[in-house]
Amino acid sequence: MADILSKLSKPAGATRSKTRLGRGVGSGLGKTAGRGQKGQYARRGTFKPYFEGGQTPLQRRLPKRGFNARNPAIVAEVNVSVLERFSAGVTIDVNTLRQHGIIKGAFDRVKILGNGTLTKKLTVSAHSFSKSAVEKIERAGGKAVVVEESSALAEN
């Protein structure tokens, strides 16, 4: 069986060579290469994307507002209420949050937000904090430590 499969070939006339356009009048598709005289289809293959026949295109009719960054920073947000699950006196950082499944996936920064209450003394390390989060952490007797961005976060 393998001997037969290794010797198989296409039947005669099964494949044709590609038609070479614009290779002289004698080829039958020389000069205008089968595209006719002038016009849009003679110059380019088809219409431009979003071309509306000369009508002002939709993307020009709609108002342009705001700014969208090409590479926005992905921020993992953690509320103060979530930190309540840790025992008092613990130091919480990005790795601790990841190990406990509080933050998942790829992100560039971690920000602690002030939603909820905190009753335990904790040392929290993150890239940024909201004012209310810092206030609640310090009111509970803890510390809010701002850390620098690291390239290790981008890899995770």
N, C-alpha and C. Protein backbone atom coordinates (compact mmCIF):
# COMPACT_ATOMS: atom_id res chain seq x y z
N MET A 1 0.82 -1.20 0.00
CA MET A 1 0.00 0.00 0.00
C MET A 1 0.87 1.26 0.00
N ALA A 2 1.88 1.31 0.86
CA ALA A 2 2.76 2.47 0.94
C ALA A 2 3.50 2.68 -0.37
N ASP A 3 3.80 1.58 -1.05
CA ASP A 3 4.50 1.67 -2.32
C ASP A 3 3.65 2.39 -3.36
N ILE A 4 2.34 2.16 -3.33
CA ILE A 4 1.44 2.79 -4.29
C ILE A 4 1.27 4.28 -3.96
N LEU A 5 1.07 4.61 -2.68
CA LEU A 5 0.85 5.99 -2.27
C LEU A 5 2.06 6.88 -2.59
N SER A 6 3.25 6.31 -2.47
CA SER A 6 4.45 7.12 -2.72
C SER A 6 4.64 7.41 -4.21
N LYS A 7 3.95 6.66 -5.06
CA LYS A 7 4.12 6.85 -6.50
C LYS A 7 2.94 7.56 -7.15
N LEU A 8 1.98 8.01 -6.34
CA LEU A 8 0.81 8.68 -6.90
C LEU A 8 1.20 10.03 -7.49
N SER A 9 0.57 10.41 -8.57
CA SER A 9 0.79 11.73 -9.16
C SER A 9 -0.54 12.21 -9.74
N LYS A 10 -0.63 13.50 -9.99
CA LYS A 10 -1.85 14.06 -10.55
C LYS A 10 -2.01 13.60 -11.99
N PRO A 11 -3.24 13.42 -12.44
CA PRO A 11 -3.44 13.04 -13.84
C PRO A 11 -3.05 14.18 -14.78
N ALA A 12 -2.76 13.86 -15.99
CA ALA A 12 -2.34 14.87 -16.98
C ALA A 12 -3.43 15.90 -17.15
N GLY A 13 -3.05 17.18 -17.13
CA GLY A 13 -3.99 18.28 -17.33
C GLY A 13 -4.73 18.70 -16.07
N ALA A 14 -4.40 18.12 -14.93
CA ALA A 14 -5.10 18.46 -13.69
C ALA A 14 -4.68 19.84 -13.18
N THR A 15 -3.47 20.26 -13.42
CA THR A 15 -3.01 21.57 -12.98
C THR A 15 -2.65 22.42 -14.18
N ARG A 16 -2.99 23.69 -14.09
CA ARG A 16 -2.65 24.63 -15.15
C ARG A 16 -1.74 25.69 -14.57
N SER A 17 -0.85 26.21 -15.37
CA SER A 17 0.02 27.27 -14.88
C SER A 17 -0.77 28.57 -14.79
N LYS A 18 -0.35 29.43 -13.89
CA LYS A 18 -1.04 30.70 -13.65
C LYS A 18 -0.97 31.58 -14.89
N THR A 19 -2.08 32.26 -15.21
CA THR A 19 -2.12 33.15 -16.36
C THR A 19 -1.29 34.38 -16.06
N ARG A 20 -0.32 34.67 -16.92
CA ARG A 20 0.56 35.82 -16.73
C ARG A 20 0.02 36.98 -17.54
N LEU A 21 -0.49 37.99 -16.83
CA LEU A 21 -1.15 39.11 -17.47
C LEU A 21 -0.14 40.16 -17.90
N GLY A 22 -0.47 40.90 -18.95
CA GLY A 22 0.34 42.04 -19.38
C GLY A 22 1.69 41.65 -19.93
N ARG A 23 1.76 40.52 -20.66
CA ARG A 23 3.05 40.06 -21.19
C ARG A 23 3.06 40.13 -22.72
N GLY A 24 2.56 41.24 -23.26
CA GLY A 24 2.62 41.43 -24.71
C GLY A 24 1.30 41.11 -25.39
N VAL A 25 1.11 41.71 -26.58
CA VAL A 25 -0.15 41.57 -27.30
C VAL A 25 -0.39 40.12 -27.72
N GLY A 26 0.64 39.40 -28.04
CA GLY A 26 0.51 38.03 -28.53
C GLY A 26 -0.01 37.07 -27.48
N SER A 27 0.07 37.41 -26.22
CA SER A 27 -0.38 36.49 -25.17
C SER A 27 -1.90 36.46 -25.05
N GLY A 28 -2.57 37.45 -25.64
CA GLY A 28 -4.03 37.51 -25.53
C GLY A 28 -4.48 38.34 -24.34
N LEU A 29 -3.63 38.50 -23.35
CA LEU A 29 -3.95 39.33 -22.19
C LEU A 29 -2.84 40.34 -21.97
N GLY A 30 -2.37 40.95 -23.06
CA GLY A 30 -1.35 41.98 -22.96
C GLY A 30 -1.98 43.35 -22.86
N LYS A 31 -1.19 44.38 -22.96
CA LYS A 31 -1.63 45.77 -22.90
C LYS A 31 -2.47 46.06 -21.66
N THR A 32 -3.80 45.95 -21.73
CA THR A 32 -4.64 46.30 -20.57
C THR A 32 -4.83 45.11 -19.62
N ALA A 33 -4.26 43.96 -19.94
CA ALA A 33 -4.29 42.76 -19.10
C ALA A 33 -5.70 42.31 -18.76
N GLY A 34 -6.64 42.47 -19.71
CA GLY A 34 -8.00 41.98 -19.51
C GLY A 34 -8.85 42.87 -18.64
N ARG A 35 -8.38 44.10 -18.32
CA ARG A 35 -9.13 44.99 -17.44
C ARG A 35 -9.90 46.05 -18.22
N GLY A 36 -9.80 46.06 -19.52
CA GLY A 36 -10.53 47.05 -20.31
C GLY A 36 -9.84 48.40 -20.29
N GLN A 37 -10.54 49.41 -20.79
CA GLN A 37 -9.96 50.76 -20.89
C GLN A 37 -10.35 51.60 -19.68
N LYS A 38 -9.39 52.22 -19.06
CA LYS A 38 -9.58 53.20 -17.97
C LYS A 38 -10.58 52.73 -16.90
N GLY A 39 -11.04 53.62 -16.10
CA GLY A 39 -12.03 53.30 -15.08
C GLY A 39 -11.41 52.72 -13.81
N GLN A 40 -12.22 52.65 -12.78
CA GLN A 40 -11.74 52.22 -11.47
C GLN A 40 -11.20 50.79 -11.48
N TYR A 41 -11.90 49.91 -12.17
CA TYR A 41 -11.47 48.51 -12.17
C TYR A 41 -10.21 48.29 -12.99
N ALA A 42 -9.90 49.22 -13.91
CA ALA A 42 -8.67 49.10 -14.67
C ALA A 42 -7.48 49.52 -13.81
N ARG A 43 -7.75 50.38 -12.83
CA ARG A 43 -6.65 50.93 -12.04
C ARG A 43 -6.43 50.18 -10.72
N ARG A 44 -7.48 49.71 -10.12
CA ARG A 44 -7.32 48.95 -8.88
C ARG A 44 -8.31 47.80 -8.90
N GLY A 45 -8.07 46.78 -8.12
CA GLY A 45 -8.86 45.56 -8.17
C GLY A 45 -10.32 45.74 -7.88
N THR A 46 -10.64 46.55 -6.83
CA THR A 46 -12.02 46.71 -6.43
C THR A 46 -12.19 48.05 -5.75
N PHE A 47 -13.37 48.29 -5.18
CA PHE A 47 -13.59 49.55 -4.48
C PHE A 47 -12.74 49.61 -3.22
N LYS A 48 -12.49 50.84 -2.76
CA LYS A 48 -11.79 51.02 -1.49
C LYS A 48 -12.70 50.52 -0.38
N PRO A 49 -12.12 50.01 0.69
CA PRO A 49 -12.98 49.59 1.80
C PRO A 49 -13.77 50.80 2.31
N TYR A 50 -15.02 50.61 2.65
CA TYR A 50 -15.93 51.64 3.16
C TYR A 50 -16.28 52.70 2.11
N PHE A 51 -15.98 52.46 0.83
CA PHE A 51 -16.33 53.42 -0.21
C PHE A 51 -17.83 53.37 -0.42
N GLU A 52 -18.47 54.54 -0.42
CA GLU A 52 -19.92 54.60 -0.53
C GLU A 52 -20.37 55.31 -1.80
N GLY A 53 -19.66 55.10 -2.88
CA GLY A 53 -20.08 55.63 -4.16
C GLY A 53 -20.01 57.14 -4.27
N GLY A 54 -19.10 57.77 -3.59
CA GLY A 54 -18.96 59.21 -3.65
C GLY A 54 -19.70 59.93 -2.54
N GLN A 55 -20.63 59.24 -1.87
CA GLN A 55 -21.30 59.81 -0.70
C GLN A 55 -20.28 59.92 0.42
N THR A 56 -20.42 60.95 1.28
CA THR A 56 -19.48 61.09 2.40
C THR A 56 -19.56 59.84 3.27
N PRO A 57 -18.44 59.16 3.46
CA PRO A 57 -18.44 57.89 4.19
C PRO A 57 -18.84 58.05 5.65
N LEU A 58 -19.32 56.97 6.23
CA LEU A 58 -19.81 56.97 7.60
C LEU A 58 -18.75 57.46 8.58
N GLN A 59 -17.50 57.01 8.41
CA GLN A 59 -16.47 57.40 9.37
C GLN A 59 -16.15 58.89 9.32
N ARG A 60 -16.53 59.58 8.21
CA ARG A 60 -16.35 61.02 8.13
C ARG A 60 -17.60 61.78 8.57
N ARG A 61 -18.75 61.12 8.55
CA ARG A 61 -20.00 61.77 8.95
C ARG A 61 -20.15 61.83 10.46
N LEU A 62 -19.57 60.85 11.17
CA LEU A 62 -19.73 60.79 12.62
C LEU A 62 -18.76 61.74 13.31
N PRO A 63 -19.18 62.35 14.43
CA PRO A 63 -18.28 63.25 15.14
C PRO A 63 -17.14 62.49 15.81
N LYS A 64 -15.98 63.13 15.84
CA LYS A 64 -14.82 62.51 16.49
C LYS A 64 -14.71 63.10 17.89
N ARG A 65 -14.68 62.25 18.90
CA ARG A 65 -14.59 62.73 20.27
C ARG A 65 -13.62 61.88 21.05
N GLY A 66 -12.90 62.51 21.96
CA GLY A 66 -12.07 61.78 22.90
C GLY A 66 -10.78 61.26 22.29
N PHE A 67 -10.15 60.37 23.03
CA PHE A 67 -8.86 59.82 22.65
C PHE A 67 -8.79 58.38 23.13
N ASN A 68 -8.37 57.49 22.27
CA ASN A 68 -8.19 56.09 22.66
C ASN A 68 -6.71 55.74 22.52
N ALA A 69 -6.10 55.41 23.65
CA ALA A 69 -4.69 55.05 23.65
C ALA A 69 -4.49 53.74 22.91
N ARG A 70 -3.40 53.63 22.17
CA ARG A 70 -3.14 52.39 21.43
C ARG A 70 -2.77 51.25 22.35
N ASN A 71 -1.98 51.55 23.37
CA ASN A 71 -1.57 50.52 24.34
C ASN A 71 -1.94 50.97 25.75
N PRO A 72 -3.23 50.90 26.10
CA PRO A 72 -3.61 51.36 27.42
C PRO A 72 -3.08 50.43 28.51
N ALA A 73 -2.76 51.01 29.67
CA ALA A 73 -2.28 50.21 30.79
C ALA A 73 -3.46 49.41 31.35
N ILE A 74 -3.28 48.12 31.52
CA ILE A 74 -4.32 47.26 32.08
C ILE A 74 -4.16 47.29 33.60
N VAL A 75 -5.17 47.79 34.29
CA VAL A 75 -5.10 47.96 35.74
C VAL A 75 -6.00 46.94 36.41
N ALA A 76 -5.41 46.15 37.33
CA ALA A 76 -6.19 45.21 38.14
C ALA A 76 -6.66 45.99 39.36
N GLU A 77 -7.97 46.04 39.59
CA GLU A 77 -8.53 46.82 40.69
C GLU A 77 -8.96 45.89 41.82
N VAL A 78 -8.57 46.25 43.05
CA VAL A 78 -8.91 45.46 44.23
C VAL A 78 -9.53 46.40 45.25
N ASN A 79 -10.71 46.07 45.76
CA ASN A 79 -11.36 46.88 46.77
C ASN A 79 -10.86 46.54 48.16
N VAL A 80 -10.94 47.51 49.07
CA VAL A 80 -10.49 47.34 50.45
C VAL A 80 -11.27 46.22 51.13
N SER A 81 -12.55 46.06 50.77
CA SER A 81 -13.38 45.03 51.40
C SER A 81 -12.84 43.62 51.14
N VAL A 82 -12.16 43.42 50.02
CA VAL A 82 -11.60 42.11 49.68
C VAL A 82 -10.42 41.79 50.60
N LEU A 83 -9.70 42.83 51.05
CA LEU A 83 -8.52 42.63 51.91
C LEU A 83 -8.91 42.17 53.31
N GLU A 84 -10.19 42.25 53.63
CA GLU A 84 -10.67 41.85 54.96
C GLU A 84 -10.47 40.35 55.21
N ARG A 85 -10.35 39.56 54.16
CA ARG A 85 -10.19 38.11 54.32
C ARG A 85 -8.82 37.72 54.88
N PHE A 86 -7.82 38.61 54.77
CA PHE A 86 -6.48 38.31 55.30
C PHE A 86 -6.46 38.52 56.81
N SER A 87 -5.57 37.78 57.49
CA SER A 87 -5.45 37.94 58.94
C SER A 87 -4.65 39.19 59.27
N ALA A 88 -4.83 39.72 60.49
CA ALA A 88 -4.19 40.97 60.90
C ALA A 88 -2.67 40.84 60.91
N GLY A 89 -1.98 41.92 60.54
CA GLY A 89 -0.53 41.96 60.57
C GLY A 89 0.16 41.42 59.33
N VAL A 90 -0.59 40.95 58.36
CA VAL A 90 -0.03 40.35 57.15
C VAL A 90 0.40 41.45 56.18
N THR A 91 1.50 41.19 55.43
CA THR A 91 1.91 42.09 54.36
C THR A 91 1.32 41.56 53.05
N ILE A 92 0.58 42.42 52.38
CA ILE A 92 -0.10 42.01 51.14
C ILE A 92 0.57 42.72 49.97
N ASP A 93 0.99 41.93 48.97
CA ASP A 93 1.57 42.51 47.76
C ASP A 93 0.92 41.85 46.55
N VAL A 94 1.44 42.15 45.37
CA VAL A 94 0.85 41.64 44.13
C VAL A 94 0.86 40.11 44.11
N ASN A 95 1.97 39.52 44.51
CA ASN A 95 2.07 38.06 44.49
C ASN A 95 1.08 37.40 45.45
N THR A 96 0.89 38.00 46.63
CA THR A 96 -0.07 37.47 47.59
C THR A 96 -1.49 37.51 47.02
N LEU A 97 -1.82 38.63 46.39
CA LEU A 97 -3.16 38.76 45.78
C LEU A 97 -3.36 37.74 44.68
N ARG A 98 -2.31 37.48 43.91
CA ARG A 98 -2.39 36.50 42.82
C ARG A 98 -2.53 35.08 43.38
N GLN A 99 -1.79 34.76 44.43
CA GLN A 99 -1.86 33.42 45.02
C GLN A 99 -3.23 33.11 45.61
N HIS A 100 -3.89 34.13 46.16
CA HIS A 100 -5.21 33.94 46.75
C HIS A 100 -6.33 34.05 45.72
N GLY A 101 -5.99 34.24 44.44
CA GLY A 101 -6.98 34.28 43.37
C GLY A 101 -7.79 35.55 43.31
N ILE A 102 -7.29 36.60 43.96
CA ILE A 102 -8.02 37.88 43.95
C ILE A 102 -7.82 38.58 42.62
N ILE A 103 -6.59 38.54 42.09
CA ILE A 103 -6.32 39.08 40.76
C ILE A 103 -5.82 37.96 39.87
N LYS A 104 -6.29 37.97 38.63
CA LYS A 104 -5.93 36.91 37.69
C LYS A 104 -5.58 37.51 36.35
N GLY A 105 -4.89 36.75 35.52
CA GLY A 105 -4.61 37.17 34.16
C GLY A 105 -3.48 38.18 34.06
N ALA A 106 -3.36 38.76 32.87
CA ALA A 106 -2.28 39.72 32.59
C ALA A 106 -2.74 41.13 32.93
N PHE A 107 -1.86 41.89 33.58
CA PHE A 107 -2.13 43.28 33.90
C PHE A 107 -0.80 44.00 34.06
N ASP A 108 -0.87 45.34 34.01
CA ASP A 108 0.34 46.15 34.15
C ASP A 108 0.50 46.73 35.55
N ARG A 109 -0.64 47.05 36.18
CA ARG A 109 -0.61 47.71 37.48
C ARG A 109 -1.71 47.15 38.36
N VAL A 110 -1.56 47.35 39.68
CA VAL A 110 -2.59 46.99 40.64
C VAL A 110 -2.97 48.26 41.40
N LYS A 111 -4.27 48.54 41.46
CA LYS A 111 -4.74 49.70 42.20
C LYS A 111 -5.71 49.25 43.28
N ILE A 112 -5.52 49.76 44.49
CA ILE A 112 -6.41 49.45 45.60
C ILE A 112 -7.45 50.56 45.69
N LEU A 113 -8.73 50.17 45.65
CA LEU A 113 -9.84 51.12 45.70
C LEU A 113 -10.50 51.07 47.07
N GLY A 114 -11.20 52.13 47.43
CA GLY A 114 -11.73 52.28 48.79
C GLY A 114 -13.14 51.79 49.02
N ASN A 115 -13.65 50.88 48.22
CA ASN A 115 -15.02 50.39 48.41
C ASN A 115 -15.05 49.36 49.53
N GLY A 116 -15.90 49.55 50.52
CA GLY A 116 -16.03 48.62 51.64
C GLY A 116 -15.32 49.14 52.87
N THR A 117 -15.20 48.26 53.87
CA THR A 117 -14.55 48.64 55.14
C THR A 117 -13.40 47.69 55.43
N LEU A 118 -12.47 48.19 56.25
CA LEU A 118 -11.32 47.39 56.68
C LEU A 118 -11.16 47.56 58.17
N THR A 119 -11.07 46.44 58.91
CA THR A 119 -10.97 46.51 60.38
C THR A 119 -9.65 45.96 60.88
N LYS A 120 -8.81 45.41 59.98
CA LYS A 120 -7.57 44.76 60.40
C LYS A 120 -6.36 45.59 60.02
N LYS A 121 -5.30 45.48 60.81
CA LYS A 121 -4.05 46.19 60.55
C LYS A 121 -3.28 45.39 59.49
N LEU A 122 -3.14 45.98 58.29
CA LEU A 122 -2.46 45.31 57.18
C LEU A 122 -1.46 46.27 56.54
N THR A 123 -0.38 45.69 56.00
CA THR A 123 0.56 46.46 55.18
C THR A 123 0.29 46.07 53.74
N VAL A 124 -0.18 47.02 52.94
CA VAL A 124 -0.59 46.74 51.57
C VAL A 124 0.37 47.42 50.60
N SER A 125 0.96 46.63 49.69
CA SER A 125 1.86 47.16 48.66
C SER A 125 1.16 47.04 47.30
N ALA A 126 1.06 48.17 46.60
CA ALA A 126 0.44 48.17 45.27
C ALA A 126 1.02 49.33 44.47
N HIS A 127 0.68 49.40 43.19
CA HIS A 127 1.19 50.47 42.33
C HIS A 127 0.53 51.79 42.60
N SER A 128 -0.77 51.76 42.97
CA SER A 128 -1.47 52.99 43.29
C SER A 128 -2.65 52.71 44.21
N PHE A 129 -3.08 53.76 44.89
CA PHE A 129 -4.19 53.67 45.84
C PHE A 129 -5.12 54.85 45.60
N SER A 130 -6.41 54.65 45.85
CA SER A 130 -7.31 55.79 45.86
C SER A 130 -7.18 56.46 47.22
N LYS A 131 -7.59 57.73 47.31
CA LYS A 131 -7.48 58.47 48.57
C LYS A 131 -8.26 57.79 49.68
N SER A 132 -9.47 57.32 49.34
CA SER A 132 -10.30 56.67 50.36
C SER A 132 -9.70 55.35 50.82
N ALA A 133 -9.00 54.64 49.91
CA ALA A 133 -8.37 53.37 50.29
C ALA A 133 -7.24 53.62 51.28
N VAL A 134 -6.40 54.63 51.01
CA VAL A 134 -5.30 54.96 51.92
C VAL A 134 -5.86 55.35 53.28
N GLU A 135 -6.92 56.14 53.27
CA GLU A 135 -7.55 56.60 54.51
C GLU A 135 -8.06 55.42 55.33
N LYS A 136 -8.73 54.46 54.69
CA LYS A 136 -9.30 53.31 55.40
C LYS A 136 -8.22 52.38 55.91
N ILE A 137 -7.16 52.17 55.13
CA ILE A 137 -6.05 51.30 55.57
C ILE A 137 -5.36 51.90 56.77
N GLU A 138 -5.08 53.22 56.73
CA GLU A 138 -4.38 53.87 57.84
C GLU A 138 -5.28 54.01 59.06
N ARG A 139 -6.59 54.18 58.86
CA ARG A 139 -7.52 54.26 59.99
C ARG A 139 -7.55 52.93 60.75
N ALA A 140 -7.36 51.82 60.02
CA ALA A 140 -7.35 50.49 60.65
C ALA A 140 -5.99 50.20 61.28
N GLY A 141 -5.01 51.12 61.14
CA GLY A 141 -3.70 50.94 61.75
C GLY A 141 -2.67 50.36 60.80
N GLY A 142 -3.00 50.21 59.55
CA GLY A 142 -2.08 49.61 58.58
C GLY A 142 -1.28 50.64 57.81
N LYS A 143 -0.57 50.16 56.77
CA LYS A 143 0.24 51.03 55.93
C LYS A 143 -0.06 50.77 54.46
N ALA A 144 -0.07 51.85 53.66
CA ALA A 144 -0.24 51.73 52.22
C ALA A 144 1.10 52.07 51.58
N VAL A 145 1.75 51.09 50.95
CA VAL A 145 3.07 51.29 50.35
C VAL A 145 2.95 51.28 48.83
N VAL A 146 3.40 52.37 48.20
CA VAL A 146 3.37 52.46 46.74
C VAL A 146 4.65 51.84 46.20
N VAL A 147 4.51 50.86 45.29
CA VAL A 147 5.68 50.20 44.70
C VAL A 147 5.87 50.66 43.26
N GLU A 148 7.07 50.55 42.77
CA GLU A 148 7.38 50.92 41.37
C GLU A 148 6.89 49.81 40.45
N GLU A 149 6.62 50.16 39.19
CA GLU A 149 6.23 49.17 38.20
C GLU A 149 7.42 48.26 37.91
N SER A 150 7.14 46.98 37.70
CA SER A 150 8.22 46.05 37.36
C SER A 150 7.88 45.35 36.06
N SER A 151 8.91 44.92 35.34
CA SER A 151 8.70 44.23 34.07
C SER A 151 8.19 42.81 34.31
N ALA A 152 8.31 42.31 35.54
CA ALA A 152 7.84 40.95 35.84
C ALA A 152 6.34 40.85 35.69
N LEU A 153 5.61 41.95 35.96
CA LEU A 153 4.15 41.90 35.86
C LEU A 153 3.72 41.70 34.41
N ALA A 154 4.43 42.32 33.48
CA ALA A 154 4.06 42.24 32.08
C ALA A 154 4.17 40.81 31.55
N GLU A 155 5.08 40.02 32.11
CA GLU A 155 5.28 38.65 31.65
C GLU A 155 4.19 37.72 32.15
N ASN A 156 3.60 38.02 33.32
CA ASN A 156 2.59 37.13 33.91
C ASN A 156 1.31 37.18 33.21
